[in-house]
Each structure stands twice: as structure tokens, then as C-alpha cells.
Amino acid sequence: MATVHEVNIEPLTDDAFAPFGQIISAKDRAPDFHTASDTRGWAVDFQSGTPLIMLLHTPYRGLSFSKLERHFNVTQTFLPMGGSPAVVAVAPADPGDGDQGPSPSDVRAFLLDGTKGYVLGRGVWHSLDRYALYPPATQWVIITDHETQQDLTAAYAGRGAMQLTQEVDCADRFGVTFALVL
């Protein structure tokens, strides 16, 4: 039987999330874009192949999980579209960890209150879903790439192994499941 590793949910701030990617929100610095009518914009560093935009609808199913994944060739962007606030779990990218996966003690969790989006850096470990805090569901727009999505779709359909993504089941690998704690 797997041990339950509790992960405290943290506020989503620029400093706390910096090791894993970027927050999409107004910044306390000069904007990257500014119009005469005072519209301002702050850019994010998005890297991918052919962009793909999808709506993700994730039903509420509790705050526990065992699987993490990382993508080698894309920075994925997530923008809130409504529904329940949610939580995402992340762990640092470590190109040297091979097939091992992150240590359970390196997993952190962030509250997604629906007021800002986020960008996951290349190779950052993350939960497969954004976990809704309450029913019925949470909805997010994801900007990813066609290549990674086709790779995942083929692997989930049993048509080969993942090439652009690595997934680890921590229950199998470490004997650990995660419980997200408010």
C-alpha cells in the first residue's frame, strides 16, 4: 500500500512559481507593450513547435493523485476559463534525473484562483491535471504544441511509447501518492 505524502497548497506568486515557469498577470515593472490609450502588455516566454490551443474541462474528483509528467519540447500555457478554483502540483526540471522522476519531497502545489494563468517551463514535472477544489469542474485553455499532443494521443491509444513526454507513477516508483492540503 502506498504512503500518502501531503503537499501544502501555496499561493501562486511570481517568486514562488519562478523555478517552474511564469505567471501570466500584470507585473510591477515596465510593460513590454504600451499604447497611447494606456493598454499595457507583459510578454511571457513561450517555446513550442506548431501551436495548438485546446479547452480542458476537468471534473472534480478529489485532491489526490500519483502521476506526474514532463514535456521535453514545449512550454505549456494555461489560462483560466471558469468553474472551480483549482490546484496544480509541480516539481523542478532536472535533466539529469533520467527515468527516475522527481523526489516526492520536491513536489509543490499552487492554488489557481482563476485570476491569472501560468506557463510551465520545459521539462518541469507537473500533475497531469489541474484539480478542481469543488464540483462540478474546472476549465482551462491550454496552449501547447501539435507534436507533443499527437505523441500523447498515440501513447494513450496504445500506438507506441511517449517520445516527447515522460510520465512517472509515484505509487509504482516510490510507493507514494499525493494528497493536496489547503
Protein backbone atom coordinates (compact mmCIF):
# COMPACT_ATOMS: atom_id res chain seq x y z
CA MET A 1 0.00 0.00 0.00
CA ALA A 2 1.29 3.45 -0.92
CA THR A 3 2.29 6.07 1.64
CA VAL A 4 0.38 9.35 1.41
CA HIS A 5 2.64 12.39 1.00
CA GLU A 6 0.81 15.59 1.92
CA VAL A 7 1.61 18.67 -0.18
CA ASN A 8 0.54 22.03 1.23
CA ILE A 9 -1.12 24.30 -1.32
CA GLU A 10 0.69 27.63 -1.73
CA PRO A 11 -0.45 30.94 -3.20
CA LEU A 12 0.51 31.37 -6.87
CA THR A 13 3.10 34.18 -6.83
CA ASP A 14 5.85 35.15 -9.26
CA ASP A 15 8.63 34.37 -6.78
CA ALA A 16 7.22 31.05 -5.55
CA PHE A 17 6.47 29.78 -9.06
CA ALA A 18 9.71 31.05 -10.72
CA PRO A 19 11.55 27.67 -10.57
CA PHE A 20 8.71 26.09 -12.57
CA GLY A 21 7.73 28.76 -15.10
CA GLN A 22 5.98 32.11 -15.27
CA ILE A 23 2.74 33.66 -14.04
CA ILE A 24 0.57 35.44 -16.59
CA SER A 25 -0.54 38.65 -14.85
CA ALA A 26 0.17 42.38 -14.71
CA LYS A 27 3.67 42.98 -13.35
CA ASP A 28 5.33 45.55 -11.09
CA ARG A 29 7.71 46.50 -13.91
CA ALA A 30 7.55 48.43 -17.15
CA PRO A 31 5.25 46.75 -19.69
CA ASP A 32 6.64 45.14 -22.83
CA PHE A 33 3.86 46.84 -24.82
CA HIS A 34 2.11 50.16 -24.16
CA THR A 35 -0.41 52.00 -26.36
CA ALA A 36 -1.50 55.64 -26.46
CA SER A 37 -4.80 54.58 -24.85
CA ASP A 38 -2.85 53.09 -21.90
CA THR A 39 -3.33 49.42 -22.80
CA ARG A 40 -0.32 47.59 -21.39
CA GLY A 41 1.03 44.11 -22.01
CA TRP A 42 3.62 41.87 -20.39
CA ALA A 43 5.12 39.10 -22.54
CA VAL A 44 5.81 35.52 -21.49
CA ASP A 45 8.50 33.25 -22.88
CA PHE A 46 6.55 30.64 -24.87
CA GLN A 47 8.55 27.98 -26.73
CA SER A 48 6.99 25.26 -28.83
CA GLY A 49 6.59 23.62 -32.18
CA THR A 50 3.32 24.20 -34.04
CA PRO A 51 0.95 25.88 -31.53
CA LEU A 52 -2.22 24.05 -30.53
CA ILE A 53 -4.99 25.66 -28.45
CA MET A 54 -7.49 23.46 -26.59
CA LEU A 55 -10.12 23.83 -23.88
CA LEU A 56 -9.62 21.42 -20.98
CA HIS A 57 -12.69 20.52 -18.88
CA THR A 58 -11.64 18.62 -15.76
CA PRO A 59 -14.38 17.28 -13.47
CA TYR A 60 -13.95 17.37 -9.70
CA ARG A 61 -12.53 14.09 -8.40
CA GLY A 62 -10.75 14.97 -5.19
CA LEU A 63 -7.29 16.24 -4.34
CA SER A 64 -5.14 13.12 -4.51
CA PHE A 65 -3.03 11.74 -7.34
CA SER A 66 0.06 9.65 -8.06
CA LYS A 67 1.19 10.56 -11.60
CA LEU A 68 3.48 13.35 -12.75
CA GLU A 69 4.68 14.17 -16.25
CA ARG A 70 7.09 16.48 -18.04
CA HIS A 71 7.37 17.62 -21.65
CA PHE A 72 10.75 17.97 -23.33
CA ASN A 73 9.98 20.31 -26.25
CA VAL A 74 7.25 22.72 -25.16
CA THR A 75 6.42 25.36 -22.59
CA GLN A 76 2.72 24.84 -21.92
CA THR A 77 0.46 27.80 -21.12
CA PHE A 78 -2.75 27.53 -19.06
CA LEU A 79 -5.42 30.26 -18.91
CA PRO A 80 -8.46 30.01 -16.58
CA MET A 81 -11.87 29.81 -18.26
CA GLY A 82 -14.15 29.37 -15.27
CA GLY A 83 -15.52 26.76 -12.99
CA SER A 84 -13.99 25.86 -9.67
CA PRO A 85 -10.66 27.21 -8.47
CA ALA A 86 -8.06 24.50 -8.89
CA VAL A 87 -4.64 23.27 -7.79
CA VAL A 88 -1.62 22.23 -9.86
CA ALA A 89 1.34 20.26 -8.49
CA VAL A 90 4.85 20.84 -9.84
CA ALA A 91 8.44 19.73 -9.26
CA PRO A 92 11.68 21.17 -10.65
CA ALA A 93 13.03 20.21 -14.05
CA ASP A 94 16.15 18.10 -13.70
CA PRO A 95 17.63 16.93 -17.00
CA GLY A 96 19.97 14.61 -15.10
CA ASP A 97 17.33 12.53 -13.34
CA GLY A 98 16.83 10.13 -16.26
CA ASP A 99 13.81 7.90 -15.82
CA GLN A 100 13.80 8.30 -12.04
CA GLY A 101 11.36 11.18 -11.75
CA PRO A 102 11.31 13.85 -9.05
CA SER A 103 11.66 13.12 -5.37
CA PRO A 104 8.24 13.26 -3.68
CA SER A 105 9.67 15.84 -1.25
CA ASP A 106 10.33 18.20 -4.21
CA VAL A 107 6.65 18.31 -5.22
CA ARG A 108 4.90 21.63 -4.52
CA ALA A 109 1.30 22.68 -5.14
CA PHE A 110 -0.19 26.04 -6.13
CA LEU A 111 -3.68 27.45 -5.80
CA LEU A 112 -5.16 28.55 -9.14
CA ASP A 113 -7.87 31.02 -8.14
CA GLY A 114 -8.95 31.88 -11.68
CA THR A 115 -7.42 35.38 -11.78
CA LYS A 116 -4.20 34.52 -13.62
CA GLY A 117 -2.70 31.96 -15.92
CA TYR A 118 0.70 30.29 -15.87
CA VAL A 119 3.39 28.91 -18.16
CA LEU A 120 5.19 25.67 -17.31
CA GLY A 121 8.86 25.67 -18.30
CA ARG A 122 10.31 22.91 -20.47
CA GLY A 123 10.96 19.75 -18.52
CA VAL A 124 9.10 20.89 -15.38
CA TRP A 125 7.33 17.98 -13.70
CA HIS A 126 3.61 18.59 -13.14
CA SER A 127 0.40 16.85 -12.23
CA LEU A 128 -1.48 15.57 -15.26
CA ASP A 129 -4.47 17.76 -14.33
CA ARG A 130 -5.47 20.93 -12.57
CA TYR A 131 -7.52 19.56 -9.67
CA ALA A 132 -10.85 21.33 -9.07
CA LEU A 133 -11.37 22.32 -5.43
CA TYR A 134 -15.08 21.53 -5.60
CA PRO A 135 -17.71 20.23 -8.06
CA PRO A 136 -18.62 20.33 -10.79
CA ALA A 137 -15.38 21.09 -12.71
CA THR A 138 -12.61 23.49 -13.67
CA GLN A 139 -11.93 24.72 -17.21
CA TRP A 140 -8.66 25.92 -18.72
CA VAL A 141 -7.40 26.93 -22.14
CA ILE A 142 -4.08 25.22 -22.85
CA ILE A 143 -1.59 26.43 -25.43
CA THR A 144 0.69 23.52 -26.23
CA ASP A 145 2.07 22.12 -29.48
CA HIS A 146 0.69 19.67 -32.02
CA GLU A 147 3.75 17.44 -31.83
CA THR A 148 3.51 16.82 -28.07
CA GLN A 149 -0.26 16.37 -28.22
CA GLN A 150 -0.03 13.85 -31.09
CA ASP A 151 2.66 11.97 -29.16
CA LEU A 152 0.43 11.79 -26.05
CA THR A 153 -2.67 10.83 -28.05
CA ALA A 154 -0.82 7.98 -29.77
CA ALA A 155 0.67 6.69 -26.49
CA TYR A 156 -2.70 6.77 -24.65
CA ALA A 157 -4.26 4.88 -27.59
CA GLY A 158 -1.58 2.17 -27.31
CA ARG A 159 0.21 3.16 -30.51
CA GLY A 160 3.74 3.39 -29.16
CA ALA A 161 5.65 4.87 -26.26
CA MET A 162 5.83 8.56 -25.40
CA GLN A 163 8.76 10.27 -27.10
CA LEU A 164 8.24 13.94 -26.16
CA THR A 165 6.82 13.38 -22.67
CA GLN A 166 7.91 11.38 -19.65
CA GLU A 167 5.30 10.17 -17.17
CA VAL A 168 6.00 8.60 -13.79
CA ASP A 169 3.55 6.93 -11.44
CA CYS A 170 4.94 7.73 -7.98
CA ALA A 171 2.82 4.98 -6.39
CA ASP A 172 4.64 2.41 -8.53
CA ARG A 173 8.08 4.08 -8.46
CA PHE A 174 8.28 5.34 -4.88
CA GLY A 175 5.28 3.79 -3.11
CA VAL A 176 3.83 7.30 -2.66
CA THR A 177 0.56 9.02 -3.54
CA PHE A 178 -0.01 12.73 -3.04
CA ALA A 179 -2.76 14.47 -1.06
CA LEU A 180 -3.16 18.20 -1.69
CA VAL A 181 -3.83 20.08 1.55
CA LEU A 182 -5.39 23.54 1.86
